[in-house]
Amino acid sequence: MLINLKFMFHNMKIMDKSNVFLIDPEKCTGCRLCEIACSFFHYKIFSPRRARIKAVRLRDESRDVPITCVHCRISPPCIGACPVEAIYRDEKIGAIKIIEEKCIGCMSCSTHCPFGAIVLDTVSGRVVKCDLCNGKPKCVEYCPTKAITYAKADLSGLLKKICAAERFEELTRTFSTRQQ
């Protein structure tokens, strides 16, 4: 039952400004397809270095966690930090976006981002961040393990509960097999 609900949830084609990114680090294999898909969408090259999402290796746990902008709903600190007003919210899709031509590369927005999601593009010398690929995030589309999802904010809790229930079910099976 849980798998069917999860399948239905992952295949919903709801992409609007009430959506949020959900990252499940336990599912991330470190394949970096999210970075490849992102760089190709934005620059037509396969270069993780130019991606606006970064898979970061956790040293203590030997696993990767995709890091991306969460498009803060209330008072995004990057918007207020930009001295040239190059950052704004795209009301149509809810994304926080950067007007790259206006950016002076001062990195003020990057230092104010609590998630480390704004990075310097070494080719252009300007900062870049996730812009939701115009409402259809390619990292979500190409993640083979569904470690990254983009779902309705009010349904995100449901997905987390489904994942927790699946983990509990797996632990219960493991524990009962050890007891036999």
Protein backbone atom coordinates (compact mmCIF):
# COMPACT_ATOMS: atom_id res chain seq x y z
CA MET A 1 0.00 0.00 0.00
CA LEU A 2 2.74 2.46 0.90
CA ILE A 3 4.58 1.89 -2.37
CA ASN A 4 1.42 2.55 -4.41
CA LEU A 5 0.76 5.83 -2.57
CA LYS A 6 4.36 6.86 -3.04
CA PHE A 7 4.25 5.99 -6.76
CA MET A 8 1.10 8.06 -7.21
CA PHE A 9 2.62 10.95 -5.27
CA HIS A 10 5.87 10.95 -7.29
CA ASN A 11 4.00 10.92 -10.57
CA MET A 12 1.75 13.88 -9.83
CA LYS A 13 2.52 16.63 -12.33
CA ILE A 14 1.85 19.53 -9.97
CA MET A 15 4.35 22.34 -10.47
CA ASP A 16 3.25 25.64 -9.01
CA LYS A 17 4.37 28.19 -6.46
CA SER A 18 3.00 26.19 -3.53
CA ASN A 19 5.49 23.38 -4.20
CA VAL A 20 8.59 22.65 -2.14
CA PHE A 21 11.73 20.60 -2.65
CA LEU A 22 11.97 17.44 -0.60
CA ILE A 23 15.39 15.85 -0.28
CA ASP A 24 15.77 12.28 0.99
CA PRO A 25 19.53 11.87 1.67
CA GLU A 26 19.09 8.14 2.26
CA LYS A 27 18.11 7.70 -1.39
CA CYS A 28 20.95 9.76 -2.87
CA THR A 29 23.59 7.53 -4.49
CA GLY A 30 25.94 10.37 -5.39
CA CYS A 31 25.46 9.81 -9.13
CA ARG A 32 25.30 13.58 -9.68
CA LEU A 33 22.71 13.29 -12.47
CA CYS A 34 20.95 16.22 -10.79
CA GLU A 35 24.02 18.38 -11.43
CA ILE A 36 24.39 17.14 -15.01
CA ALA A 37 20.70 17.78 -15.82
CA CYS A 38 20.88 21.26 -14.27
CA SER A 39 24.02 22.34 -16.13
CA PHE A 40 22.68 21.02 -19.43
CA PHE A 41 19.35 22.83 -18.99
CA HIS A 42 21.05 26.16 -18.23
CA TYR A 43 24.23 26.04 -20.31
CA LYS A 44 23.80 23.15 -22.79
CA ILE A 45 26.93 21.46 -21.39
CA PHE A 46 27.39 18.54 -19.03
CA SER A 47 29.36 20.17 -16.23
CA PRO A 48 28.57 19.57 -12.55
CA ARG A 49 30.80 22.57 -11.81
CA ARG A 50 28.21 24.82 -13.49
CA ALA A 51 25.17 23.24 -11.81
CA ARG A 52 22.89 25.23 -9.56
CA ILE A 53 22.34 22.21 -7.34
CA LYS A 54 25.26 20.54 -5.59
CA ALA A 55 25.52 17.00 -4.26
CA VAL A 56 27.61 17.42 -1.12
CA ARG A 57 29.46 14.47 0.44
CA LEU A 58 28.84 14.09 4.18
CA ARG A 59 32.20 13.07 5.66
CA ASP A 60 30.99 11.22 8.72
CA GLU A 61 28.28 9.27 6.95
CA SER A 62 29.92 8.62 3.55
CA ARG A 63 26.86 9.67 1.62
CA ASP A 64 25.76 12.59 -0.51
CA VAL A 65 23.05 15.17 0.07
CA PRO A 66 21.75 17.36 -2.76
CA ILE A 67 21.81 21.02 -1.70
CA THR A 68 19.63 23.52 -3.52
CA CYS A 69 17.72 26.72 -2.91
CA VAL A 70 14.51 26.16 -0.97
CA HIS A 71 12.98 29.40 -2.31
CA CYS A 72 12.18 30.81 1.14
CA ARG A 73 8.52 31.77 1.45
CA ILE A 74 8.95 34.50 4.07
CA SER A 75 11.61 37.21 3.85
CA PRO A 76 14.29 35.46 1.76
CA PRO A 77 17.58 36.81 3.18
CA CYS A 78 19.25 36.86 -0.25
CA ILE A 79 16.78 39.40 -1.63
CA GLY A 80 17.47 41.90 1.14
CA ALA A 81 21.21 41.32 0.95
CA CYS A 82 21.59 42.21 -2.74
CA PRO A 83 22.86 45.81 -3.03
CA VAL A 84 21.75 46.15 -6.68
CA GLU A 85 18.31 44.51 -6.35
CA ALA A 86 19.22 41.73 -8.77
CA ILE A 87 17.23 39.13 -6.82
CA TYR A 88 13.46 38.85 -6.93
CA ARG A 89 10.62 36.36 -6.55
CA ASP A 90 9.02 35.13 -9.76
CA GLU A 91 5.39 35.19 -8.61
CA LYS A 92 4.27 32.87 -11.40
CA ILE A 93 6.27 29.85 -10.20
CA GLY A 94 7.36 31.03 -6.74
CA ALA A 95 11.08 30.85 -7.51
CA ILE A 96 13.63 33.26 -6.13
CA LYS A 97 15.59 34.34 -9.22
CA ILE A 98 18.68 36.36 -10.01
CA ILE A 99 18.84 38.86 -12.87
CA GLU A 100 22.31 37.75 -13.92
CA GLU A 101 23.03 40.86 -16.02
CA LYS A 102 22.38 43.03 -12.97
CA CYS A 103 24.51 40.95 -10.58
CA ILE A 104 27.87 42.50 -9.66
CA GLY A 105 29.30 39.31 -8.14
CA CYS A 106 29.74 40.74 -4.64
CA MET A 107 28.54 37.45 -3.04
CA SER A 108 26.50 39.27 -0.39
CA CYS A 109 23.49 37.09 -1.19
CA SER A 110 25.60 33.96 -0.87
CA THR A 111 26.85 34.88 2.59
CA HIS A 112 23.27 35.52 3.73
CA CYS A 113 21.82 32.26 2.40
CA PRO A 114 21.41 29.88 5.37
CA PHE A 115 21.53 26.86 3.04
CA GLY A 116 24.65 27.67 1.03
CA ALA A 117 22.58 27.39 -2.12
CA ILE A 118 23.91 30.47 -3.92
CA VAL A 119 27.24 29.83 -5.61
CA LEU A 120 29.68 31.71 -7.79
CA ASP A 121 29.71 30.65 -11.43
CA THR A 122 33.42 30.79 -12.17
CA VAL A 123 32.79 31.21 -15.90
CA SER A 124 30.54 34.29 -15.69
CA GLY A 125 31.89 35.66 -12.40
CA ARG A 126 28.32 36.07 -11.16
CA VAL A 127 26.30 34.20 -8.59
CA VAL A 128 23.79 31.57 -9.63
CA LYS A 129 21.17 29.56 -7.82
CA CYS A 130 18.30 27.24 -8.55
CA ASP A 131 15.58 28.94 -10.58
CA LEU A 132 13.32 25.85 -10.70
CA CYS A 133 14.08 25.44 -14.42
CA ASN A 134 11.05 27.60 -15.24
CA GLY A 135 8.79 25.51 -13.01
CA LYS A 136 9.93 22.03 -14.03
CA PRO A 137 13.13 21.23 -12.08
CA LYS A 138 15.36 18.97 -14.16
CA CYS A 139 17.07 17.60 -11.06
CA VAL A 140 13.74 16.11 -10.00
CA GLU A 141 12.99 14.79 -13.47
CA TYR A 142 16.31 13.00 -13.85
CA CYS A 143 16.99 11.77 -10.30
CA PRO A 144 16.93 7.97 -10.76
CA THR A 145 16.24 7.19 -7.09
CA LYS A 146 13.74 10.01 -6.48
CA ALA A 147 15.99 11.41 -3.76
CA ILE A 148 14.81 14.83 -4.94
CA THR A 149 11.12 15.55 -5.29
CA TYR A 150 9.17 18.73 -5.84
CA ALA A 151 5.71 18.49 -4.36
CA LYS A 152 2.79 20.50 -3.05
CA ALA A 153 3.73 22.02 0.28
CA ASP A 154 0.66 20.65 2.03
CA LEU A 155 1.41 17.14 0.70
CA SER A 156 5.09 17.21 1.61
CA GLY A 157 4.29 16.04 5.13
CA LEU A 158 2.44 13.08 3.65
CA LEU A 159 5.48 11.99 1.65
CA LYS A 160 7.70 12.28 4.72
CA LYS A 161 5.25 10.14 6.68
CA ILE A 162 5.14 7.53 3.91
CA CYS A 163 8.94 7.35 3.85
CA ALA A 164 9.10 7.08 7.64
CA ALA A 165 6.49 4.31 7.60
CA GLU A 166 8.48 2.41 4.96
CA ARG A 167 11.67 2.71 7.03
CA PHE A 168 9.79 1.52 10.12
CA GLU A 169 8.38 -1.43 8.18
CA GLU A 170 11.88 -2.33 6.95
CA LEU A 171 13.34 -2.09 10.46
CA THR A 172 10.53 -4.25 11.82
CA ARG A 173 11.24 -6.92 9.18
CA THR A 174 14.98 -6.79 9.93
CA PHE A 175 14.39 -7.02 13.66
CA SER A 176 11.93 -9.93 13.39
CA THR A 177 14.30 -11.89 11.08
CA ARG A 178 17.08 -11.48 13.64
CA GLN A 179 14.82 -12.76 16.39
CA GLN A 180 14.09 -16.02 14.54
